[in-house]
Amino acid sequence: MTTLKLEHGPWAYWADFAVYLGVAAGLAALLGWQGPPGRGLHLLGFMVLGLVFWTLAEYALHRWVLHGVAPFSRWHAEHHHRPMALIATPTVLTLPAFVVVVFLPVWWLGDFWQACAFSLGVLAGFQIYAFSHHAVHHWRADSAWLKSLKRWHAIHHRALHAHRSGLAPELSCYGVSVPLWDHLLGSAPRPQTRALRQRLRPWWF
């Protein structure tokens, strides 16, 4: 089925962004217009918690699933092999996963409005990640922020090349939109390997 292909055409690729922006906008509208009165700060806290949760999920999924668990690791290897290709997990798989893994457990443990707020925070983080990842591969670096993000993600791609070539012992820079967890969990690039990676073949930006 074309809806389950990892490599997307432009229409399907941008439709994924549109779907998630629509879902996030719907949750925001629901919370803003129908949310329980007097719980604004409480639900805002859940939104922030969801955003922080996503940053850790982004890191964990990239490090231990996309680089460690088949068949996801084989799929992700295709992105490393062709970083400019429009490769992404199909929406028909990711959206139900968000419902089952994020929305329903929080609803079960808390209530409907907490689940909406937490899910909105997660979706906001996911969209920041998706746009950031697209930007580092496809946009010109016209700002200091994007230059820094491109440089960070380039180290990850170069580290994989060095690791497979036996030139470097570890991979690094798993966080795409936020480098925080790399620093906290010991996967930020080490000084002794940073110079080596800079001598590898030029990359895609």
C-alpha atoms as a PDB file:
ATOM      1  CA  MET A   1       0.000   0.000   0.000  1.00  0.00           C
ATOM      2  CA  THR A   2       1.302   3.471  -0.870  1.00  0.00           C
ATOM      3  CA  THR A   3       0.047   4.823   2.459  1.00  0.00           C
ATOM      4  CA  LEU A   4       2.487   2.506   4.251  1.00  0.00           C
ATOM      5  CA  LYS A   5       5.585   3.400   2.236  1.00  0.00           C
ATOM      6  CA  LEU A   6       8.491   4.902   4.163  1.00  0.00           C
ATOM      7  CA  GLU A   7       9.612   7.087   1.276  1.00  0.00           C
ATOM      8  CA  HIS A   8       6.974   9.712   0.648  1.00  0.00           C
ATOM      9  CA  GLY A   9       6.130  11.826  -2.323  1.00  0.00           C
ATOM     10  CA  PRO A  10       5.981  15.576  -1.633  1.00  0.00           C
ATOM     11  CA  TRP A  11       2.192  15.550  -1.232  1.00  0.00           C
ATOM     12  CA  ALA A  12       2.164  12.722   1.321  1.00  0.00           C
ATOM     13  CA  TYR A  13       5.195  14.147   3.123  1.00  0.00           C
ATOM     14  CA  TRP A  14       3.602  17.568   3.695  1.00  0.00           C
ATOM     15  CA  ALA A  15       0.193  16.037   4.349  1.00  0.00           C
ATOM     16  CA  ASP A  16       1.726  14.432   7.445  1.00  0.00           C
ATOM     17  CA  PHE A  17       2.678  17.868   8.762  1.00  0.00           C
ATOM     18  CA  ALA A  18      -0.811  19.176   7.964  1.00  0.00           C
ATOM     19  CA  VAL A  19      -2.524  16.292   9.780  1.00  0.00           C
ATOM     20  CA  TYR A  20      -0.548  16.809  12.978  1.00  0.00           C
ATOM     21  CA  LEU A  21      -0.910  20.583  12.875  1.00  0.00           C
ATOM     22  CA  GLY A  22      -4.657  20.075  12.482  1.00  0.00           C
ATOM     23  CA  VAL A  23      -4.831  17.657  15.409  1.00  0.00           C
ATOM     24  CA  ALA A  24      -2.783  20.019  17.609  1.00  0.00           C
ATOM     25  CA  ALA A  25      -4.974  22.978  16.603  1.00  0.00           C
ATOM     26  CA  GLY A  26      -8.089  20.939  17.393  1.00  0.00           C
ATOM     27  CA  LEU A  27      -6.804  20.031  20.848  1.00  0.00           C
ATOM     28  CA  ALA A  28      -5.834  23.652  21.528  1.00  0.00           C
ATOM     29  CA  ALA A  29      -9.281  24.859  20.455  1.00  0.00           C
ATOM     30  CA  LEU A  30     -10.997  22.214  22.568  1.00  0.00           C
ATOM     31  CA  LEU A  31      -8.991  23.158  25.640  1.00  0.00           C
ATOM     32  CA  GLY A  32      -9.456  26.878  25.053  1.00  0.00           C
ATOM     33  CA  TRP A  33     -13.192  26.858  24.410  1.00  0.00           C
ATOM     34  CA  GLN A  34     -14.481  23.835  26.270  1.00  0.00           C
ATOM     35  CA  GLY A  35     -11.871  23.240  28.969  1.00  0.00           C
ATOM     36  CA  PRO A  36     -12.995  23.264  32.605  1.00  0.00           C
ATOM     37  CA  PRO A  37     -12.880  26.739  34.195  1.00  0.00           C
ATOM     38  CA  GLY A  38     -10.334  27.340  36.909  1.00  0.00           C
ATOM     39  CA  ARG A  39      -7.906  24.663  35.669  1.00  0.00           C
ATOM     40  CA  GLY A  40      -5.955  26.731  33.182  1.00  0.00           C
ATOM     41  CA  LEU A  41      -2.612  26.680  35.015  1.00  0.00           C
ATOM     42  CA  HIS A  42      -3.041  23.016  35.910  1.00  0.00           C
ATOM     43  CA  LEU A  43      -3.611  22.055  32.276  1.00  0.00           C
ATOM     44  CA  LEU A  44      -0.822  24.355  31.108  1.00  0.00           C
ATOM     45  CA  GLY A  45       1.474  22.389  33.407  1.00  0.00           C
ATOM     46  CA  PHE A  46       0.388  19.176  31.691  1.00  0.00           C
ATOM     47  CA  MET A  47       1.138  20.737  28.310  1.00  0.00           C
ATOM     48  CA  VAL A  48       4.645  21.654  29.441  1.00  0.00           C
ATOM     49  CA  LEU A  49       5.085  18.167  30.895  1.00  0.00           C
ATOM     50  CA  GLY A  50       4.046  16.676  27.560  1.00  0.00           C
ATOM     51  CA  LEU A  51       6.556  18.856  25.715  1.00  0.00           C
ATOM     52  CA  VAL A  52       9.377  17.794  28.055  1.00  0.00           C
ATOM     53  CA  PHE A  53       8.256  14.171  27.747  1.00  0.00           C
ATOM     54  CA  TRP A  54       8.551  14.414  23.976  1.00  0.00           C
ATOM     55  CA  THR A  55      12.168  15.646  24.135  1.00  0.00           C
ATOM     56  CA  LEU A  56      13.103  12.531  26.110  1.00  0.00           C
ATOM     57  CA  ALA A  57      10.986  10.298  23.850  1.00  0.00           C
ATOM     58  CA  GLU A  58      12.667  11.793  20.768  1.00  0.00           C
ATOM     59  CA  TYR A  59      16.072  10.978  22.208  1.00  0.00           C
ATOM     60  CA  ALA A  60      15.147   7.479  23.396  1.00  0.00           C
ATOM     61  CA  LEU A  61      13.411   6.497  20.167  1.00  0.00           C
ATOM     62  CA  HIS A  62      16.339   7.690  18.075  1.00  0.00           C
ATOM     63  CA  ARG A  63      19.048   6.127  20.209  1.00  0.00           C
ATOM     64  CA  TRP A  64      17.572   2.804  21.258  1.00  0.00           C
ATOM     65  CA  VAL A  65      14.864   2.067  18.698  1.00  0.00           C
ATOM     66  CA  LEU A  66      15.966   3.619  15.399  1.00  0.00           C
ATOM     67  CA  HIS A  67      19.562   2.566  16.025  1.00  0.00           C
ATOM     68  CA  GLY A  68      18.938  -0.673  17.859  1.00  0.00           C
ATOM     69  CA  VAL A  69      15.676  -2.476  17.134  1.00  0.00           C
ATOM     70  CA  ALA A  70      14.859  -4.205  13.854  1.00  0.00           C
ATOM     71  CA  PRO A  71      13.082  -3.481  11.556  1.00  0.00           C
ATOM     72  CA  PHE A  72      13.165   0.168  12.653  1.00  0.00           C
ATOM     73  CA  SER A  73      16.956   0.261  12.526  1.00  0.00           C
ATOM     74  CA  ARG A  74      16.913  -1.000   8.916  1.00  0.00           C
ATOM     75  CA  TRP A  75      14.369   1.651   7.969  1.00  0.00           C
ATOM     76  CA  HIS A  76      16.371   4.382   9.661  1.00  0.00           C
ATOM     77  CA  ALA A  77      19.552   3.189   7.952  1.00  0.00           C
ATOM     78  CA  GLU A  78      17.920   4.141   4.664  1.00  0.00           C
ATOM     79  CA  HIS A  79      17.618   7.709   5.919  1.00  0.00           C
ATOM     80  CA  HIS A  80      21.318   7.720   6.797  1.00  0.00           C
ATOM     81  CA  HIS A  81      22.113   6.330   3.370  1.00  0.00           C
ATOM     82  CA  ARG A  82      19.935   8.912   1.560  1.00  0.00           C
ATOM     83  CA  PRO A  83      19.479  11.841   3.971  1.00  0.00           C
ATOM     84  CA  MET A  84      17.779  14.076   1.391  1.00  0.00           C
ATOM     85  CA  ALA A  85      15.041  11.570   0.563  1.00  0.00           C
ATOM     86  CA  LEU A  86      11.583  12.214   1.989  1.00  0.00           C
ATOM     87  CA  ILE A  87      11.615   9.220   4.323  1.00  0.00           C
ATOM     88  CA  ALA A  88       9.227   9.201   7.286  1.00  0.00           C
ATOM     89  CA  THR A  89       6.994   6.835   9.214  1.00  0.00           C
ATOM     90  CA  PRO A  90       3.500   6.865   7.650  1.00  0.00           C
ATOM     91  CA  THR A  91       0.843   8.901   9.428  1.00  0.00           C
ATOM     92  CA  VAL A  92      -1.513   5.915   9.497  1.00  0.00           C
ATOM     93  CA  LEU A  93       0.976   4.260  11.880  1.00  0.00           C
ATOM     94  CA  THR A  94       2.183   7.193  13.977  1.00  0.00           C
ATOM     95  CA  LEU A  95      -1.204   8.787  14.719  1.00  0.00           C
ATOM     96  CA  PRO A  96      -2.759   5.624  16.250  1.00  0.00           C
ATOM     97  CA  ALA A  97       0.500   5.148  18.178  1.00  0.00           C
ATOM     98  CA  PHE A  98       0.095   8.621  19.715  1.00  0.00           C
ATOM     99  CA  VAL A  99      -3.455   7.785  20.744  1.00  0.00           C
ATOM    100  CA  VAL A 100      -2.554   4.409  22.275  1.00  0.00           C
ATOM    101  CA  VAL A 101       0.784   5.329  23.873  1.00  0.00           C
ATOM    102  CA  VAL A 102       0.129   8.936  24.947  1.00  0.00           C
ATOM    103  CA  PHE A 103      -3.531   9.981  25.043  1.00  0.00           C
ATOM    104  CA  LEU A 104      -5.254   6.858  26.406  1.00  0.00           C
ATOM    105  CA  PRO A 105      -2.792   6.120  29.271  1.00  0.00           C
ATOM    106  CA  VAL A 106      -2.973   9.718  30.555  1.00  0.00           C
ATOM    107  CA  TRP A 107      -6.779   9.657  30.309  1.00  0.00           C
ATOM    108  CA  TRP A 108      -6.834   6.386  32.239  1.00  0.00           C
ATOM    109  CA  LEU A 109      -4.430   7.654  34.924  1.00  0.00           C
ATOM    110  CA  GLY A 110      -5.921  11.159  35.118  1.00  0.00           C
ATOM    111  CA  ASP A 111      -8.844  12.594  33.203  1.00  0.00           C
ATOM    112  CA  PHE A 112      -9.861  13.601  29.700  1.00  0.00           C
ATOM    113  CA  TRP A 113      -8.662  17.203  29.967  1.00  0.00           C
ATOM    114  CA  GLN A 114      -5.262  16.210  31.326  1.00  0.00           C
ATOM    115  CA  ALA A 115      -4.928  13.764  28.436  1.00  0.00           C
ATOM    116  CA  CYS A 116      -5.793  16.536  25.957  1.00  0.00           C
ATOM    117  CA  ALA A 117      -3.280  18.965  27.476  1.00  0.00           C
ATOM    118  CA  PHE A 118      -0.476  16.405  27.763  1.00  0.00           C
ATOM    119  CA  SER A 119      -1.089  15.194  24.203  1.00  0.00           C
ATOM    120  CA  LEU A 120      -1.018  18.775  22.928  1.00  0.00           C
ATOM    121  CA  GLY A 121       2.399  19.255  24.532  1.00  0.00           C
ATOM    122  CA  VAL A 122       3.677  16.007  23.006  1.00  0.00           C
ATOM    123  CA  LEU A 123       2.337  16.934  19.570  1.00  0.00           C
ATOM    124  CA  ALA A 124       3.903  20.392  19.816  1.00  0.00           C
ATOM    125  CA  GLY A 125       7.252  18.791  20.599  1.00  0.00           C
ATOM    126  CA  PHE A 126       6.801  16.309  17.783  1.00  0.00           C
ATOM    127  CA  GLN A 127       6.092  19.093  15.292  1.00  0.00           C
ATOM    128  CA  ILE A 128       9.125  21.067  16.482  1.00  0.00           C
ATOM    129  CA  TYR A 129      11.208  17.939  15.932  1.00  0.00           C
ATOM    130  CA  ALA A 130       9.696  17.255  12.494  1.00  0.00           C
ATOM    131  CA  PHE A 131      10.264  20.806  11.250  1.00  0.00           C
ATOM    132  CA  SER A 132      13.758  20.885  12.777  1.00  0.00           C
ATOM    133  CA  HIS A 133      14.734  17.621  11.107  1.00  0.00           C
ATOM    134  CA  HIS A 134      13.394  18.824   7.778  1.00  0.00           C
ATOM    135  CA  ALA A 135      15.222  22.123   8.162  1.00  0.00           C
ATOM    136  CA  VAL A 136      18.632  20.593   8.889  1.00  0.00           C
ATOM    137  CA  HIS A 137      18.391  18.476   5.738  1.00  0.00           C
ATOM    138  CA  HIS A 138      16.656  20.821   3.305  1.00  0.00           C
ATOM    139  CA  TRP A 139      16.955  24.492   4.326  1.00  0.00           C
ATOM    140  CA  ARG A 140      19.817  26.926   3.949  1.00  0.00           C
ATOM    141  CA  ALA A 141      21.430  27.865   7.253  1.00  0.00           C
ATOM    142  CA  ASP A 142      20.582  31.569   7.344  1.00  0.00           C
ATOM    143  CA  SER A 143      20.450  31.852  11.142  1.00  0.00           C
ATOM    144  CA  ALA A 144      22.807  31.002  13.977  1.00  0.00           C
ATOM    145  CA  TRP A 145      20.172  28.665  15.433  1.00  0.00           C
ATOM    146  CA  LEU A 146      19.866  26.608  12.245  1.00  0.00           C
ATOM    147  CA  LYS A 147      23.634  26.556  11.691  1.00  0.00           C
ATOM    148  CA  SER A 148      24.072  25.170  15.207  1.00  0.00           C
ATOM    149  CA  LEU A 149      21.327  22.585  14.662  1.00  0.00           C
ATOM    150  CA  LYS A 150      22.802  21.503  11.317  1.00  0.00           C
ATOM    151  CA  ARG A 151      26.263  21.165  12.831  1.00  0.00           C
ATOM    152  CA  TRP A 152      24.908  19.065  15.717  1.00  0.00           C
ATOM    153  CA  HIS A 153      22.976  16.720  13.435  1.00  0.00           C
ATOM    154  CA  ALA A 154      25.904  16.487  11.031  1.00  0.00           C
ATOM    155  CA  ILE A 155      28.003  15.071  13.850  1.00  0.00           C
ATOM    156  CA  HIS A 156      25.429  12.300  14.279  1.00  0.00           C
ATOM    157  CA  HIS A 157      25.559  11.335  10.602  1.00  0.00           C
ATOM    158  CA  ARG A 158      29.352  11.572  10.494  1.00  0.00           C
ATOM    159  CA  ALA A 159      29.620   9.567  13.702  1.00  0.00           C
ATOM    160  CA  LEU A 160      27.695   6.691  12.126  1.00  0.00           C
ATOM    161  CA  HIS A 161      30.062   6.719   9.138  1.00  0.00           C
ATOM    162  CA  ALA A 162      33.080   6.773  11.463  1.00  0.00           C
ATOM    163  CA  HIS A 163      31.640   4.038  13.673  1.00  0.00           C
ATOM    164  CA  ARG A 164      31.022   1.709  10.718  1.00  0.00           C
ATOM    165  CA  SER A 165      34.526   2.449   9.402  1.00  0.00           C
ATOM    166  CA  GLY A 166      36.095   1.588  12.754  1.00  0.00           C
ATOM    167  CA  LEU A 167      37.340   5.141  13.209  1.00  0.00           C
ATOM    168  CA  ALA A 168      35.186   6.040  16.215  1.00  0.00           C
ATOM    169  CA  PRO A 169      33.899   3.838  19.029  1.00  0.00           C
ATOM    170  CA  GLU A 170      30.466   5.392  19.566  1.00  0.00           C
ATOM    171  CA  LEU A 171      27.566   7.210  18.016  1.00  0.00           C
ATOM    172  CA  SER A 172      26.434  10.555  19.393  1.00  0.00           C
ATOM    173  CA  CYS A 173      24.046  13.499  19.033  1.00  0.00           C
ATOM    174  CA  TYR A 174      20.769  11.560  19.056  1.00  0.00           C
ATOM    175  CA  GLY A 175      18.697  14.580  19.973  1.00  0.00           C
ATOM    176  CA  VAL A 176      17.568  16.359  16.818  1.00  0.00           C
ATOM    177  CA  SER A 177      15.650  19.361  18.120  1.00  0.00           C
ATOM    178  CA  VAL A 178      17.103  19.443  21.673  1.00  0.00           C
ATOM    179  CA  PRO A 179      20.670  18.367  22.625  1.00  0.00           C
ATOM    180  CA  LEU A 180      19.912  18.350  26.367  1.00  0.00           C
ATOM    181  CA  TRP A 181      19.551  14.585  26.804  1.00  0.00           C
ATOM    182  CA  ASP A 182      22.791  13.880  24.915  1.00  0.00           C
ATOM    183  CA  HIS A 183      24.643  15.929  27.510  1.00  0.00           C
ATOM    184  CA  LEU A 184      22.780  14.358  30.436  1.00  0.00           C
ATOM    185  CA  LEU A 185      23.027  10.772  29.197  1.00  0.00           C
ATOM    186  CA  GLY A 186      26.603  10.784  27.924  1.00  0.00           C
ATOM    187  CA  SER A 187      26.114  10.791  24.148  1.00  0.00           C
ATOM    188  CA  ALA A 188      27.375  14.288  23.388  1.00  0.00           C
ATOM    189  CA  PRO A 189      30.473  14.181  21.134  1.00  0.00           C
ATOM    190  CA  ARG A 190      33.726  13.649  22.945  1.00  0.00           C
ATOM    191  CA  PRO A 191      36.559  16.136  22.357  1.00  0.00           C
ATOM    192  CA  GLN A 192      39.005  13.435  21.252  1.00  0.00           C
ATOM    193  CA  THR A 193      36.737  12.251  18.429  1.00  0.00           C
ATOM    194  CA  ARG A 194      35.390  15.633  17.340  1.00  0.00           C
ATOM    195  CA  ALA A 195      38.494  16.529  15.307  1.00  0.00           C
ATOM    196  CA  LEU A 196      38.494  13.096  13.651  1.00  0.00           C
ATOM    197  CA  ARG A 197      34.902  13.491  12.500  1.00  0.00           C
ATOM    198  CA  GLN A 198      35.694  16.861  10.949  1.00  0.00           C
ATOM    199  CA  ARG A 199      38.186  15.071   8.622  1.00  0.00           C
ATOM    200  CA  LEU A 200      35.516  12.753   7.220  1.00  0.00           C
ATOM    201  CA  ARG A 201      34.114  13.338   3.718  1.00  0.00           C
ATOM    202  CA  PRO A 202      31.937  16.438   3.258  1.00  0.00           C
ATOM    203  CA  TRP A 203      28.311  16.000   4.249  1.00  0.00           C
ATOM    204  CA  TRP A 204      25.010  17.199   2.789  1.00  0.00           C
ATOM    205  CA  PHE A 205      24.928  20.872   3.792  1.00  0.00           C
END
